[in-house]
Structure formats: C-alpha cells, structure tokens
C-alpha cells in the first residue's frame, strides 16, 4: 500500500467511526452515557487529521524519504504544541 492510499484509508476509517459514534450518541442521548459517546466521536473527528499525518510519517519512514519525514515530524510537533498550549490556557 502506498502512502496516499494508507493516509486516505486511515482518514476514511476515522470519519466512519466518528460518524458512527456521534450517531450512537444521538440514539443514546436519553441515557446518561449518550453525551460521552458523542464527545468521543467529536474528538475522533477532530483528531483524524493528526492520525493521517502520523500514518503518512510512518509510510514515509518505510520509503526512507527523509525530507518529508522531517516535514511530517515538524507538523506533528506543531500540532502537539498547539494542543498543549490550548490545554494550559
């Protein structure tokens, strides 16, 4: 599987699972745990681009494309720094 297909597949699965979780949360919204399921789906949908970057980085490492591995590592670091800074505030 090449890098583009792997990234596309990971994004599709994150999207499908996120939508399924949000749908299940709506179905179970009358119960106490419905909101938690919807939040899990929302977090998964928001985190799916991060998963896509990680999958891309792993495949680029397998292809030994150092330039783009470095770019993806910097992107991962920026995303993590943004998450940390948003939690601190």
PDB file of N, CA and C in Angstrom:
ATOM      1  N   UNK A   1       0.850  -1.169   0.000  1.00  0.00           N
ATOM      2  CA  UNK A   1       0.000   0.000   0.000  1.00  0.00           C
ATOM      3  C   UNK A   1       0.901   1.239   0.000  1.00  0.00           C
ATOM      4  N   UNK A   2       0.617   2.163  -0.888  1.00  0.00           N
ATOM      5  CA  UNK A   2       1.445   3.356  -0.940  1.00  0.00           C
ATOM      6  C   UNK A   2       0.980   4.386   0.093  1.00  0.00           C
ATOM      7  N   UNK A   3       1.733   5.461   0.205  1.00  0.00           N
ATOM      8  CA  UNK A   3       1.479   6.462   1.232  1.00  0.00           C
ATOM      9  C   UNK A   3       0.107   7.104   1.070  1.00  0.00           C
ATOM     10  N   UNK A   4      -0.243   7.465  -0.139  1.00  0.00           N
ATOM     11  CA  UNK A   4      -1.533   8.128  -0.367  1.00  0.00           C
ATOM     12  C   UNK A   4      -2.708   7.228  -0.005  1.00  0.00           C
ATOM     13  N   UNK A   5      -2.632   5.965  -0.392  1.00  0.00           N
ATOM     14  CA  UNK A   5      -3.719   5.036  -0.068  1.00  0.00           C
ATOM     15  C   UNK A   5      -3.824   4.802   1.430  1.00  0.00           C
ATOM     16  N   UNK A   6      -2.690   4.684   2.108  1.00  0.00           N
ATOM     17  CA  UNK A   6      -2.708   4.454   3.549  1.00  0.00           C
ATOM     18  C   UNK A   6      -3.302   5.651   4.286  1.00  0.00           C
ATOM     19  N   UNK A   7      -2.906   6.847   3.877  1.00  0.00           N
ATOM     20  CA  UNK A   7      -3.441   8.046   4.510  1.00  0.00           C
ATOM     21  C   UNK A   7      -4.933   8.176   4.243  1.00  0.00           C
ATOM     22  N   UNK A   8      -5.337   7.947   3.008  1.00  0.00           N
ATOM     23  CA  UNK A   8      -6.744   8.022   2.645  1.00  0.00           C
ATOM     24  C   UNK A   8      -7.574   7.001   3.424  1.00  0.00           C
ATOM     25  N   UNK A   9      -7.061   5.794   3.542  1.00  0.00           N
ATOM     26  CA  UNK A   9      -7.778   4.745   4.273  1.00  0.00           C
ATOM     27  C   UNK A   9      -7.926   5.096   5.743  1.00  0.00           C
ATOM     28  N   UNK A  10      -6.865   5.603   6.356  1.00  0.00           N
ATOM     29  CA  UNK A  10      -6.948   5.964   7.778  1.00  0.00           C
ATOM     30  C   UNK A  10      -7.946   7.096   7.993  1.00  0.00           C
ATOM     31  N   UNK A  11      -7.965   8.067   7.098  1.00  0.00           N
ATOM     32  CA  UNK A  11      -8.913   9.176   7.231  1.00  0.00           C
ATOM     33  C   UNK A  11     -10.356   8.704   7.029  1.00  0.00           C
ATOM     34  N   UNK A  12     -10.557   7.778   6.090  1.00  0.00           N
ATOM     35  CA  UNK A  12     -11.906   7.248   5.863  1.00  0.00           C
ATOM     36  C   UNK A  12     -12.410   6.500   7.085  1.00  0.00           C
ATOM     37  N   UNK A  13     -11.548   5.649   7.677  1.00  0.00           N
ATOM     38  CA  UNK A  13     -11.976   4.890   8.854  1.00  0.00           C
ATOM     39  C   UNK A  13     -12.241   5.795  10.042  1.00  0.00           C
ATOM     40  N   UNK A  14     -11.399   6.810  10.231  1.00  0.00           N
ATOM     41  CA  UNK A  14     -11.651   7.761  11.318  1.00  0.00           C
ATOM     42  C   UNK A  14     -12.977   8.478  11.110  1.00  0.00           C
ATOM     43  N   UNK A  15     -13.261   8.859   9.878  1.00  0.00           N
ATOM     44  CA  UNK A  15     -14.516   9.527   9.568  1.00  0.00           C
ATOM     45  C   UNK A  15     -15.710   8.616   9.835  1.00  0.00           C
ATOM     46  N   UNK A  16     -15.632   7.382   9.361  1.00  0.00           N
ATOM     47  CA  UNK A  16     -16.751   6.455   9.537  1.00  0.00           C
ATOM     48  C   UNK A  16     -16.986   6.115  11.006  1.00  0.00           C
ATOM     49  N   UNK A  17     -15.920   5.872  11.744  1.00  0.00           N
ATOM     50  CA  UNK A  17     -16.071   5.547  13.166  1.00  0.00           C
ATOM     51  C   UNK A  17     -16.568   6.765  13.935  1.00  0.00           C
ATOM     52  N   UNK A  18     -16.061   7.948  13.597  1.00  0.00           N
ATOM     53  CA  UNK A  18     -16.520   9.161  14.264  1.00  0.00           C
ATOM     54  C   UNK A  18     -17.999   9.425  14.030  1.00  0.00           C
ATOM     55  N   UNK A  19     -18.436   9.256  12.793  1.00  0.00           N
ATOM     56  CA  UNK A  19     -19.860   9.440  12.490  1.00  0.00           C
ATOM     57  C   UNK A  19     -20.704   8.381  13.189  1.00  0.00           C
ATOM     58  N   UNK A  20     -20.213   7.143  13.223  1.00  0.00           N
ATOM     59  CA  UNK A  20     -20.953   6.080  13.909  1.00  0.00           C
ATOM     60  C   UNK A  20     -21.071   6.379  15.406  1.00  0.00           C
ATOM     61  N   UNK A  21     -19.984   6.879  16.019  1.00  0.00           N
ATOM     62  CA  UNK A  21     -20.040   7.218  17.438  1.00  0.00           C
ATOM     63  C   UNK A  21     -21.004   8.373  17.698  1.00  0.00           C
ATOM     64  N   UNK A  22     -20.978   9.375  16.844  1.00  0.00           N
ATOM     65  CA  UNK A  22     -21.892  10.502  17.039  1.00  0.00           C
ATOM     66  C   UNK A  22     -23.347  10.069  16.835  1.00  0.00           C
ATOM     67  N   UNK A  23     -23.581   9.183  15.882  1.00  0.00           N
ATOM     68  CA  UNK A  23     -24.938   8.666  15.658  1.00  0.00           C
ATOM     69  C   UNK A  23     -25.407   7.840  16.849  1.00  0.00           C
ATOM     70  N   UNK A  24     -24.503   7.000  17.364  1.00  0.00           N
ATOM     71  CA  UNK A  24     -24.854   6.203  18.544  1.00  0.00           C
ATOM     72  C   UNK A  24     -25.110   7.111  19.739  1.00  0.00           C
ATOM     73  N   UNK A  25     -24.324   8.167  19.850  1.00  0.00           N
ATOM     74  CA  UNK A  25     -24.551   9.116  20.940  1.00  0.00           C
ATOM     75  C   UNK A  25     -25.904   9.785  20.844  1.00  0.00           C
ATOM     76  N   UNK A  26     -26.327  10.097  19.617  1.00  0.00           N
ATOM     77  CA  UNK A  26     -27.663  10.673  19.438  1.00  0.00           C
ATOM     78  C   UNK A  26     -28.752   9.683  19.804  1.00  0.00           C
ATOM     79  N   UNK A  27     -28.541   8.427  19.427  1.00  0.00           N
ATOM     80  CA  UNK A  27     -29.531   7.392  19.747  1.00  0.00           C
ATOM     81  C   UNK A  27     -29.646   7.214  21.261  1.00  0.00           C
ATOM     82  N   UNK A  28     -28.484   7.218  21.949  1.00  0.00           N
ATOM     83  CA  UNK A  28     -28.472   7.013  23.394  1.00  0.00           C
ATOM     84  C   UNK A  28     -28.483   8.325  24.177  1.00  0.00           C
ATOM     85  N   UNK A  29     -28.901   9.412  23.544  1.00  0.00           N
ATOM     86  CA  UNK A  29     -28.872  10.712  24.216  1.00  0.00           C
ATOM     87  C   UNK A  29     -29.852  10.798  25.386  1.00  0.00           C
ATOM     88  N   UNK A  30     -30.830   9.928  25.417  1.00  0.00           N
ATOM     89  CA  UNK A  30     -31.767   9.921  26.536  1.00  0.00           C
ATOM     90  C   UNK A  30     -31.143   9.312  27.791  1.00  0.00           C
ATOM     91  N   UNK A  31     -30.057   8.598  27.620  1.00  0.00           N
ATOM     92  CA  UNK A  31     -29.385   7.971  28.753  1.00  0.00           C
ATOM     93  C   UNK A  31     -28.192   8.824  29.165  1.00  0.00           C
ATOM     94  N   UNK A  32     -27.602   8.501  30.286  1.00  0.00           N
ATOM     95  CA  UNK A  32     -26.504   9.309  30.823  1.00  0.00           C
ATOM     96  C   UNK A  32     -25.234   9.236  29.978  1.00  0.00           C
ATOM     97  N   UNK A  33     -25.005   8.142  29.288  1.00  0.00           N
ATOM     98  CA  UNK A  33     -23.743   7.964  28.571  1.00  0.00           C
ATOM     99  C   UNK A  33     -23.799   8.411  27.113  1.00  0.00           C
ATOM    100  N   UNK A  34     -24.923   8.901  26.640  1.00  0.00           N
ATOM    101  CA  UNK A  34     -25.043   9.333  25.250  1.00  0.00           C
ATOM    102  C   UNK A  34     -24.153  10.518  24.926  1.00  0.00           C
ATOM    103  N   UNK A  35     -24.044  11.466  25.867  1.00  0.00           N
ATOM    104  CA  UNK A  35     -23.188  12.631  25.635  1.00  0.00           C
ATOM    105  C   UNK A  35     -21.722  12.242  25.552  1.00  0.00           C
ATOM    106  N   UNK A  36     -21.322  11.292  26.364  1.00  0.00           N
ATOM    107  CA  UNK A  36     -19.919  10.839  26.329  1.00  0.00           C
ATOM    108  C   UNK A  36     -19.576  10.184  24.997  1.00  0.00           C
ATOM    109  N   UNK A  37     -20.504   9.417  24.471  1.00  0.00           N
ATOM    110  CA  UNK A  37     -20.276   8.764  23.177  1.00  0.00           C
ATOM    111  C   UNK A  37     -20.176   9.820  22.074  1.00  0.00           C
ATOM    112  N   UNK A  38     -21.025  10.840  22.138  1.00  0.00           N
ATOM    113  CA  UNK A  38     -20.961  11.905  21.134  1.00  0.00           C
ATOM    114  C   UNK A  38     -19.649  12.677  21.237  1.00  0.00           C
ATOM    115  N   UNK A  39     -19.181  12.937  22.457  1.00  0.00           N
ATOM    116  CA  UNK A  39     -17.895  13.623  22.626  1.00  0.00           C
ATOM    117  C   UNK A  39     -16.752  12.780  22.080  1.00  0.00           C
ATOM    118  N   UNK A  40     -16.813  11.462  22.283  1.00  0.00           N
ATOM    119  CA  UNK A  40     -15.767  10.587  21.746  1.00  0.00           C
ATOM    120  C   UNK A  40     -15.743  10.660  20.219  1.00  0.00           C
ATOM    121  N   UNK A  41     -16.917  10.679  19.604  1.00  0.00           N
ATOM    122  CA  UNK A  41     -16.989  10.804  18.156  1.00  0.00           C
ATOM    123  C   UNK A  41     -16.459  12.138  17.671  1.00  0.00           C
ATOM    124  N   UNK A  42     -16.769  13.199  18.395  1.00  0.00           N
ATOM    125  CA  UNK A  42     -16.283  14.523  18.019  1.00  0.00           C
ATOM    126  C   UNK A  42     -14.770  14.619  18.148  1.00  0.00           C
ATOM    127  N   UNK A  43     -14.233  14.079  19.220  1.00  0.00           N
ATOM    128  CA  UNK A  43     -12.774  14.092  19.409  1.00  0.00           C
ATOM    129  C   UNK A  43     -12.093  13.273  18.322  1.00  0.00           C
ATOM    130  N   UNK A  44     -12.680  12.146  17.959  1.00  0.00           N
ATOM    131  CA  UNK A  44     -12.112  11.340  16.881  1.00  0.00           C
ATOM    132  C   UNK A  44     -12.141  12.087  15.551  1.00  0.00           C
ATOM    133  N   UNK A  45     -13.237  12.768  15.264  1.00  0.00           N
ATOM    134  CA  UNK A  45     -13.324  13.539  14.014  1.00  0.00           C
ATOM    135  C   UNK A  45     -12.315  14.691  14.002  1.00  0.00           C
ATOM    136  N   UNK A  46     -12.142  15.335  15.138  1.00  0.00           N
ATOM    137  CA  UNK A  46     -11.167  16.429  15.215  1.00  0.00           C
ATOM    138  C   UNK A  46      -9.733  15.916  15.163  1.00  0.00           C
ATOM    139  N   UNK A  47      -9.511  14.714  15.666  1.00  0.00           N
ATOM    140  CA  UNK A  47      -8.162  14.155  15.691  1.00  0.00           C
ATOM    141  C   UNK A  47      -7.778  13.371  14.452  1.00  0.00           C
ATOM    142  N   UNK A  48      -8.707  13.173  13.546  1.00  0.00           N
ATOM    143  CA  UNK A  48      -8.400  12.368  12.359  1.00  0.00           C
ATOM    144  C   UNK A  48      -7.303  12.962  11.476  1.00  0.00           C
ATOM    145  N   UNK A  49      -7.190  14.278  11.307  1.00  0.00           N
ATOM    146  CA  UNK A  49      -6.049  14.784  10.530  1.00  0.00           C
ATOM    147  C   UNK A  49      -4.703  14.464  11.189  1.00  0.00           C
ATOM    148  N   UNK A  50      -4.665  14.478  12.518  1.00  0.00           N
ATOM    149  CA  UNK A  50      -3.447  14.115  13.240  1.00  0.00           C
ATOM    150  C   UNK A  50      -3.084  12.657  12.977  1.00  0.00           C
ATOM    151  N   UNK A  51      -4.090  11.794  12.976  1.00  0.00           N
ATOM    152  CA  UNK A  51      -3.863  10.378  12.657  1.00  0.00           C
ATOM    153  C   UNK A  51      -3.341  10.237  11.226  1.00  0.00           C
ATOM    154  N   UNK A  52      -3.897  11.022  10.315  1.00  0.00           N
ATOM    155  CA  UNK A  52      -3.443  10.985   8.930  1.00  0.00           C
ATOM    156  C   UNK A  52      -1.984  11.390   8.788  1.00  0.00           C
ATOM    157  N   UNK A  53      -1.563  12.401   9.537  1.00  0.00           N
ATOM    158  CA  UNK A  53      -0.162  12.830   9.490  1.00  0.00           C
ATOM    159  C   UNK A  53       0.749  11.752  10.058  1.00  0.00           C
ATOM    160  N   UNK A  54       0.328  11.097  11.127  1.00  0.00           N
ATOM    161  CA  UNK A  54       1.144  10.026  11.724  1.00  0.00           C
ATOM    162  C   UNK A  54       1.275   8.856  10.755  1.00  0.00           C
ATOM    163  N   UNK A  55       0.173   8.456  10.116  1.00  0.00           N
ATOM    164  CA  UNK A  55       0.217   7.355   9.149  1.00  0.00           C
ATOM    165  C   UNK A  55       1.129   7.719   7.983  1.00  0.00           C
ATOM    166  N   UNK A  56       1.020   8.954   7.515  1.00  0.00           N
ATOM    167  CA  UNK A  56       1.886   9.407   6.426  1.00  0.00           C
ATOM    168  C   UNK A  56       3.349   9.368   6.838  1.00  0.00           C
ATOM    169  N   UNK A  57       3.638   9.824   8.054  1.00  0.00           N
ATOM    170  CA  UNK A  57       5.021   9.828   8.548  1.00  0.00           C
ATOM    171  C   UNK A  57       5.587   8.409   8.607  1.00  0.00           C
ATOM    172  N   UNK A  58       4.801   7.472   9.092  1.00  0.00           N
ATOM    173  CA  UNK A  58       5.258   6.082   9.183  1.00  0.00           C
ATOM    174  C   UNK A  58       5.557   5.520   7.795  1.00  0.00           C
ATOM    175  N   UNK A  59       4.685   5.786   6.831  1.00  0.00           N
ATOM    176  CA  UNK A  59       4.916   5.272   5.479  1.00  0.00           C
ATOM    177  C   UNK A  59       6.104   5.954   4.812  1.00  0.00           C
ATOM    178  N   UNK A  60       6.295   7.233   5.093  1.00  0.00           N
ATOM    179  CA  UNK A  60       7.460   7.917   4.547  1.00  0.00           C
ATOM    180  C   UNK A  60       8.753   7.377   5.153  1.00  0.00           C
ATOM    181  N   UNK A  61       8.698   6.967   6.420  1.00  0.00           N
ATOM    182  CA  UNK A  61       9.869   6.345   7.045  1.00  0.00           C
ATOM    183  C   UNK A  61      10.192   5.017   6.363  1.00  0.00           C
ATOM    184  N   UNK A  62       9.153   4.260   6.023  1.00  0.00           N
ATOM    185  CA  UNK A  62       9.373   2.994   5.318  1.00  0.00           C
ATOM    186  C   UNK A  62       9.968   3.216   3.935  1.00  0.00           C
ATOM    187  N   UNK A  63       9.578   4.320   3.285  1.00  0.00           N
ATOM    188  CA  UNK A  63      10.108   4.642   1.968  1.00  0.00           C
ATOM    189  C   UNK A  63      11.464   5.341   2.038  1.00  0.00           C
ATOM    190  N   UNK A  64      11.892   5.668   3.250  1.00  0.00           N
ATOM    191  CA  UNK A  64      13.171   6.349   3.507  1.00  0.00           C
ATOM    192  C   UNK A  64      13.264   7.696   2.794  1.00  0.00           C
ATOM    193  N   UNK A  65      12.171   8.424   2.827  1.00  0.00           N
ATOM    194  CA  UNK A  65      12.123   9.768   2.265  1.00  0.00           C
ATOM    195  C   UNK A  65      12.348  10.764   3.406  1.00  0.00           C
ATOM    196  N   UNK A  66      13.606  11.021   3.701  1.00  0.00           N
ATOM    197  CA  UNK A  66      13.985  11.788   4.893  1.00  0.00           C
ATOM    198  C   UNK A  66      13.456  13.217   4.886  1.00  0.00           C
ATOM    199  N   UNK A  67      13.430  13.835   3.736  1.00  0.00           N
ATOM    200  CA  UNK A  67      12.968  15.220   3.660  1.00  0.00           C
ATOM    201  C   UNK A  67      11.522  15.333   4.149  1.00  0.00           C
ATOM    202  N   UNK A  68      10.643  14.497   3.638  1.00  0.00           N
ATOM    203  CA  UNK A  68       9.236  14.580   4.001  1.00  0.00           C
ATOM    204  C   UNK A  68       8.957  13.984   5.372  1.00  0.00           C
ATOM    205  N   UNK A  69       9.807  13.066   5.823  1.00  0.00           N
ATOM    206  CA  UNK A  69       9.697  12.589   7.205  1.00  0.00           C
ATOM    207  C   UNK A  69       9.952  13.745   8.159  1.00  0.00           C
ATOM    208  N   UNK A  70      10.982  14.543   7.865  1.00  0.00           N
ATOM    209  CA  UNK A  70      11.285  15.697   8.711  1.00  0.00           C
ATOM    210  C   UNK A  70      10.139  16.706   8.700  1.00  0.00           C
ATOM    211  N   UNK A  71       9.558  16.930   7.534  1.00  0.00           N
ATOM    212  CA  UNK A  71       8.426  17.854   7.446  1.00  0.00           C
ATOM    213  C   UNK A  71       7.251  17.336   8.272  1.00  0.00           C
ATOM    214  N   UNK A  72       6.962  16.048   8.168  1.00  0.00           N
ATOM    215  CA  UNK A  72       5.831  15.494   8.924  1.00  0.00           C
ATOM    216  C   UNK A  72       6.106  15.489  10.423  1.00  0.00           C
ATOM    217  N   UNK A  73       7.353  15.283  10.831  1.00  0.00           N
ATOM    218  CA  UNK A  73       7.692  15.334  12.261  1.00  0.00           C
ATOM    219  C   UNK A  73       7.518  16.754  12.793  1.00  0.00           C
ATOM    220  N   UNK A  74       7.927  17.743  12.011  1.00  0.00           N
ATOM    221  CA  UNK A  74       7.710  19.136  12.421  1.00  0.00           C
ATOM    222  C   UNK A  74       6.216  19.419  12.533  1.00  0.00           C
ATOM    223  N   UNK A  75       5.427  18.940  11.593  1.00  0.00           N
ATOM    224  CA  UNK A  75       3.980  19.136  11.643  1.00  0.00           C
ATOM    225  C   UNK A  75       3.372  18.463  12.865  1.00  0.00           C
ATOM    226  N   UNK A  76       3.807  17.260  13.188  1.00  0.00           N
ATOM    227  CA  UNK A  76       3.330  16.572  14.389  1.00  0.00           C
ATOM    228  C   UNK A  76       3.700  17.371  15.636  1.00  0.00           C
ATOM    229  N   UNK A  77       4.927  17.894  15.676  1.00  0.00           N
ATOM    230  CA  UNK A  77       5.369  18.695  16.825  1.00  0.00           C
ATOM    231  C   UNK A  77       4.537  19.962  16.972  1.00  0.00           C
ATOM    232  N   UNK A  78       4.209  20.615  15.850  1.00  0.00           N
ATOM    233  CA  UNK A  78       3.390  21.829  15.895  1.00  0.00           C
ATOM    234  C   UNK A  78       1.983  21.505  16.404  1.00  0.00           C
ATOM    235  N   UNK A  79       1.418  20.403  15.949  1.00  0.00           N
ATOM    236  CA  UNK A  79       0.082  20.006  16.409  1.00  0.00           C
ATOM    237  C   UNK A  79       0.094  19.707  17.899  1.00  0.00           C
ATOM    238  N   UNK A  80       1.100  18.967  18.366  1.00  0.00           N
ATOM    239  CA  UNK A  80       1.196  18.649  19.791  1.00  0.00           C
ATOM    240  C   UNK A  80       1.403  19.919  20.610  1.00  0.00           C
ATOM    241  N   UNK A  81       2.246  20.828  20.135  1.00  0.00           N
ATOM    242  CA  UNK A  81       2.465  22.094  20.849  1.00  0.00           C
ATOM    243  C   UNK A  81       1.161  22.897  20.920  1.00  0.00           C
ATOM    244  N   UNK A  82       0.401  22.899  19.838  1.00  0.00           N
ATOM    245  CA  UNK A  82      -0.876  23.603  19.842  1.00  0.00           C
ATOM    246  C   UNK A  82      -1.847  23.005  20.835  1.00  0.00           C
ATOM    247  N   UNK A  83      -1.879  21.689  20.919  1.00  0.00           N
ATOM    248  CA  UNK A  83      -2.760  21.033  21.880  1.00  0.00           C
ATOM    249  C   UNK A  83      -2.340  21.365  23.307  1.00  0.00           C
ATOM    250  N   UNK A  84      -1.050  21.295  23.573  1.00  0.00           N
ATOM    251  CA  UNK A  84      -0.553  21.591  24.918  1.00  0.00           C
ATOM    252  C   UNK A  84      -0.835  23.042  25.291  1.00  0.00           C
ATOM    253  N   UNK A  85      -0.583  23.962  24.380  1.00  0.00           N
ATOM    254  CA  UNK A  85      -0.826  25.366  24.665  1.00  0.00           C
ATOM    255  C   UNK A  85      -2.315  25.664  24.861  1.00  0.00           C
ATOM    256  N   UNK A  86      -3.171  24.965  24.156  1.00  0.00           N
ATOM    257  CA  UNK A  86      -4.598  25.200  24.331  1.00  0.00           C
ATOM    258  C   UNK A  86      -5.105  24.627  25.650  1.00  0.00           C
ATOM    259  N   UNK A  87      -4.476  23.568  26.142  1.00  0.00           N
ATOM    260  CA  UNK A  87      -4.872  22.978  27.417  1.00  0.00           C
ATOM    261  C   UNK A  87      -4.380  23.840  28.573  1.00  0.00           C
ATOM    262  N   UNK A  88      -3.205  24.427  28.434  1.00  0.00           N
ATOM    263  CA  UNK A  88      -2.637  25.253  29.505  1.00  0.00           C
ATOM    264  C   UNK A  88      -3.491  26.481  29.761  1.00  0.00           C
ATOM    265  N   UNK A  89      -3.998  27.097  28.720  1.00  0.00           N
ATOM    266  CA  UNK A  89      -4.818  28.305  28.883  1.00  0.00           C
ATOM    267  C   UNK A  89      -6.089  27.940  29.498  1.00  0.00           C
TER     268      UNK A  89
END
